[in-house]
Amino acid sequence: MRMSQALRLLSGSVLLFVFIFGIWHSDVWWFWKLFIVFMALNQIQSAFTNWCPAINMLKKLRIQEDC
């Protein structure tokens, strides 16, 4: 698995988990709503700055980078 694939898998999985949790309970704690906003804003800023904190974590897990 390449870095870009792992990054997409990680971000998609987290957003899906939080989204399902938000639907499952109608009285969602405000933290989960802010967490979704944070994840979305982080993905947007990484598109412009080419920097994402999750990449540092994936490098420590020795995920192979794209060429």
N, C-alpha and C. Protein backbone atom coordinates (compact mmCIF):
# COMPACT_ATOMS: atom_id res chain seq x y z
N MET A 1 0.84 -1.17 0.00
CA MET A 1 0.00 0.00 0.00
C MET A 1 0.89 1.23 0.00
N ARG A 2 0.59 2.15 -0.87
CA ARG A 2 1.36 3.38 -0.99
C ARG A 2 0.86 4.44 -0.02
N MET A 3 1.65 5.51 0.15
CA MET A 3 1.34 6.58 1.09
C MET A 3 -0.01 7.23 0.78
N SER A 4 -0.24 7.56 -0.47
CA SER A 4 -1.49 8.24 -0.82
C SER A 4 -2.70 7.35 -0.57
N GLN A 5 -2.56 6.07 -0.82
CA GLN A 5 -3.65 5.14 -0.56
C GLN A 5 -3.91 5.02 0.93
N ALA A 6 -2.84 4.92 1.71
CA ALA A 6 -2.99 4.81 3.16
C ALA A 6 -3.60 6.07 3.75
N LEU A 7 -3.20 7.21 3.22
CA LEU A 7 -3.74 8.47 3.71
C LEU A 7 -5.23 8.59 3.41
N ARG A 8 -5.60 8.23 2.20
CA ARG A 8 -7.03 8.26 1.84
C ARG A 8 -7.82 7.26 2.68
N LEU A 9 -7.25 6.09 2.91
CA LEU A 9 -7.92 5.09 3.73
C LEU A 9 -8.10 5.58 5.16
N LEU A 10 -7.06 6.16 5.72
CA LEU A 10 -7.13 6.66 7.09
C LEU A 10 -8.16 7.77 7.23
N SER A 11 -8.09 8.77 6.37
CA SER A 11 -9.02 9.90 6.50
C SER A 11 -10.45 9.48 6.19
N GLY A 12 -10.63 8.64 5.19
CA GLY A 12 -11.97 8.18 4.87
C GLY A 12 -12.58 7.33 5.98
N SER A 13 -11.76 6.49 6.58
CA SER A 13 -12.25 5.63 7.66
C SER A 13 -12.66 6.45 8.88
N VAL A 14 -11.84 7.42 9.23
CA VAL A 14 -12.16 8.26 10.39
C VAL A 14 -13.43 9.06 10.13
N LEU A 15 -13.53 9.67 8.97
CA LEU A 15 -14.73 10.44 8.67
C LEU A 15 -15.98 9.56 8.62
N LEU A 16 -15.84 8.36 8.07
CA LEU A 16 -16.97 7.45 8.03
C LEU A 16 -17.39 7.03 9.44
N PHE A 17 -16.43 6.72 10.30
CA PHE A 17 -16.73 6.34 11.68
C PHE A 17 -17.47 7.46 12.40
N VAL A 18 -16.97 8.68 12.28
CA VAL A 18 -17.59 9.81 12.97
C VAL A 18 -18.97 10.10 12.38
N PHE A 19 -19.11 9.97 11.09
CA PHE A 19 -20.39 10.20 10.45
C PHE A 19 -21.43 9.18 10.91
N ILE A 20 -21.06 7.91 10.93
CA ILE A 20 -21.99 6.87 11.39
C ILE A 20 -22.34 7.09 12.85
N PHE A 21 -21.37 7.44 13.65
CA PHE A 21 -21.64 7.71 15.06
C PHE A 21 -22.61 8.87 15.21
N GLY A 22 -22.48 9.87 14.35
CA GLY A 22 -23.38 11.02 14.40
C GLY A 22 -24.80 10.68 14.02
N ILE A 23 -24.97 9.77 13.08
CA ILE A 23 -26.31 9.35 12.68
C ILE A 23 -26.91 8.42 13.73
N TRP A 24 -26.08 7.56 14.30
CA TRP A 24 -26.56 6.56 15.24
C TRP A 24 -27.25 7.19 16.46
N HIS A 25 -26.69 8.28 16.94
CA HIS A 25 -27.23 8.95 18.11
C HIS A 25 -27.68 10.36 17.72
N SER A 26 -28.87 10.71 18.06
CA SER A 26 -29.37 12.03 17.69
C SER A 26 -28.78 13.12 18.58
N ASP A 27 -28.38 12.76 19.79
CA ASP A 27 -27.82 13.76 20.70
C ASP A 27 -26.29 13.65 20.73
N VAL A 28 -25.70 13.91 19.57
CA VAL A 28 -24.26 13.79 19.42
C VAL A 28 -23.56 14.88 20.22
N TRP A 29 -22.51 14.47 20.90
CA TRP A 29 -21.69 15.40 21.67
C TRP A 29 -21.03 16.36 20.70
N TRP A 30 -20.93 17.63 21.07
CA TRP A 30 -20.40 18.68 20.19
C TRP A 30 -18.98 18.35 19.73
N PHE A 31 -18.22 17.57 20.51
CA PHE A 31 -16.85 17.22 20.13
C PHE A 31 -16.81 16.50 18.78
N TRP A 32 -17.74 15.56 18.56
CA TRP A 32 -17.73 14.79 17.33
C TRP A 32 -18.07 15.66 16.12
N LYS A 33 -18.94 16.61 16.31
CA LYS A 33 -19.25 17.54 15.21
C LYS A 33 -18.03 18.39 14.88
N LEU A 34 -17.33 18.88 15.89
CA LEU A 34 -16.12 19.65 15.65
C LEU A 34 -15.01 18.79 15.06
N PHE A 35 -14.98 17.53 15.43
CA PHE A 35 -13.96 16.63 14.90
C PHE A 35 -14.13 16.44 13.39
N ILE A 36 -15.38 16.32 12.93
CA ILE A 36 -15.64 16.21 11.49
C ILE A 36 -15.19 17.49 10.78
N VAL A 37 -15.50 18.64 11.37
CA VAL A 37 -15.09 19.92 10.78
C VAL A 37 -13.57 20.01 10.73
N PHE A 38 -12.90 19.61 11.81
CA PHE A 38 -11.44 19.63 11.84
C PHE A 38 -10.85 18.74 10.75
N MET A 39 -11.37 17.53 10.61
CA MET A 39 -10.85 16.61 9.58
C MET A 39 -11.04 17.19 8.18
N ALA A 40 -12.21 17.76 7.94
CA ALA A 40 -12.48 18.32 6.62
C ALA A 40 -11.56 19.51 6.34
N LEU A 41 -11.41 20.40 7.32
CA LEU A 41 -10.53 21.56 7.12
C LEU A 41 -9.08 21.13 6.95
N ASN A 42 -8.66 20.10 7.67
CA ASN A 42 -7.30 19.61 7.53
C ASN A 42 -7.06 19.06 6.12
N GLN A 43 -8.01 18.35 5.58
CA GLN A 43 -7.86 17.83 4.22
C GLN A 43 -7.82 18.97 3.21
N ILE A 44 -8.63 20.00 3.42
CA ILE A 44 -8.64 21.14 2.51
C ILE A 44 -7.31 21.88 2.56
N GLN A 45 -6.79 22.16 3.76
CA GLN A 45 -5.53 22.89 3.86
C GLN A 45 -4.38 22.06 3.29
N SER A 46 -4.45 20.73 3.45
CA SER A 46 -3.35 19.91 2.92
C SER A 46 -3.34 19.91 1.40
N ALA A 47 -4.49 20.14 0.79
CA ALA A 47 -4.54 20.23 -0.67
C ALA A 47 -3.78 21.45 -1.17
N PHE A 48 -3.76 22.52 -0.37
CA PHE A 48 -3.09 23.75 -0.78
C PHE A 48 -1.64 23.84 -0.29
N THR A 49 -1.38 23.31 0.90
CA THR A 49 -0.04 23.46 1.49
C THR A 49 0.83 22.24 1.29
N ASN A 50 0.23 21.12 0.87
CA ASN A 50 0.96 19.87 0.67
C ASN A 50 1.58 19.37 1.98
N TRP A 51 0.95 19.67 3.11
CA TRP A 51 1.40 19.20 4.42
C TRP A 51 0.23 18.61 5.16
N CYS A 52 0.42 17.41 5.67
CA CYS A 52 -0.64 16.74 6.42
C CYS A 52 -0.01 16.01 7.61
N PRO A 53 -0.50 16.26 8.82
CA PRO A 53 0.07 15.61 10.00
C PRO A 53 -0.02 14.08 9.96
N ALA A 54 -1.03 13.55 9.30
CA ALA A 54 -1.18 12.09 9.24
C ALA A 54 -0.04 11.44 8.46
N ILE A 55 0.56 12.17 7.53
CA ILE A 55 1.67 11.61 6.77
C ILE A 55 2.85 11.31 7.68
N ASN A 56 3.10 12.18 8.66
CA ASN A 56 4.19 11.92 9.61
C ASN A 56 3.94 10.62 10.37
N MET A 57 2.70 10.39 10.78
CA MET A 57 2.36 9.16 11.49
C MET A 57 2.54 7.94 10.59
N LEU A 58 2.10 8.05 9.33
CA LEU A 58 2.21 6.92 8.41
C LEU A 58 3.67 6.62 8.08
N LYS A 59 4.52 7.65 8.04
CA LYS A 59 5.95 7.42 7.81
C LYS A 59 6.56 6.64 8.96
N LYS A 60 6.13 6.95 10.19
CA LYS A 60 6.63 6.21 11.35
C LYS A 60 6.18 4.76 11.33
N LEU A 61 5.04 4.49 10.68
CA LEU A 61 4.57 3.12 10.52
C LEU A 61 5.22 2.43 9.32
N ARG A 62 6.14 3.13 8.68
CA ARG A 62 6.94 2.63 7.54
C ARG A 62 6.08 2.27 6.33
N ILE A 63 5.07 3.10 6.07
CA ILE A 63 4.28 2.96 4.85
C ILE A 63 5.11 3.54 3.72
N GLN A 64 5.18 2.81 2.61
CA GLN A 64 6.01 3.22 1.48
C GLN A 64 5.44 4.47 0.81
N GLU A 65 6.31 5.45 0.55
CA GLU A 65 5.87 6.69 -0.09
C GLU A 65 5.70 6.49 -1.59
N ASP A 66 4.86 7.32 -2.20
CA ASP A 66 4.68 7.29 -3.66
C ASP A 66 5.92 7.83 -4.32
N CYS A 67 6.18 7.37 -5.52
CA CYS A 67 7.35 7.85 -6.27
C CYS A 67 7.05 9.15 -6.95
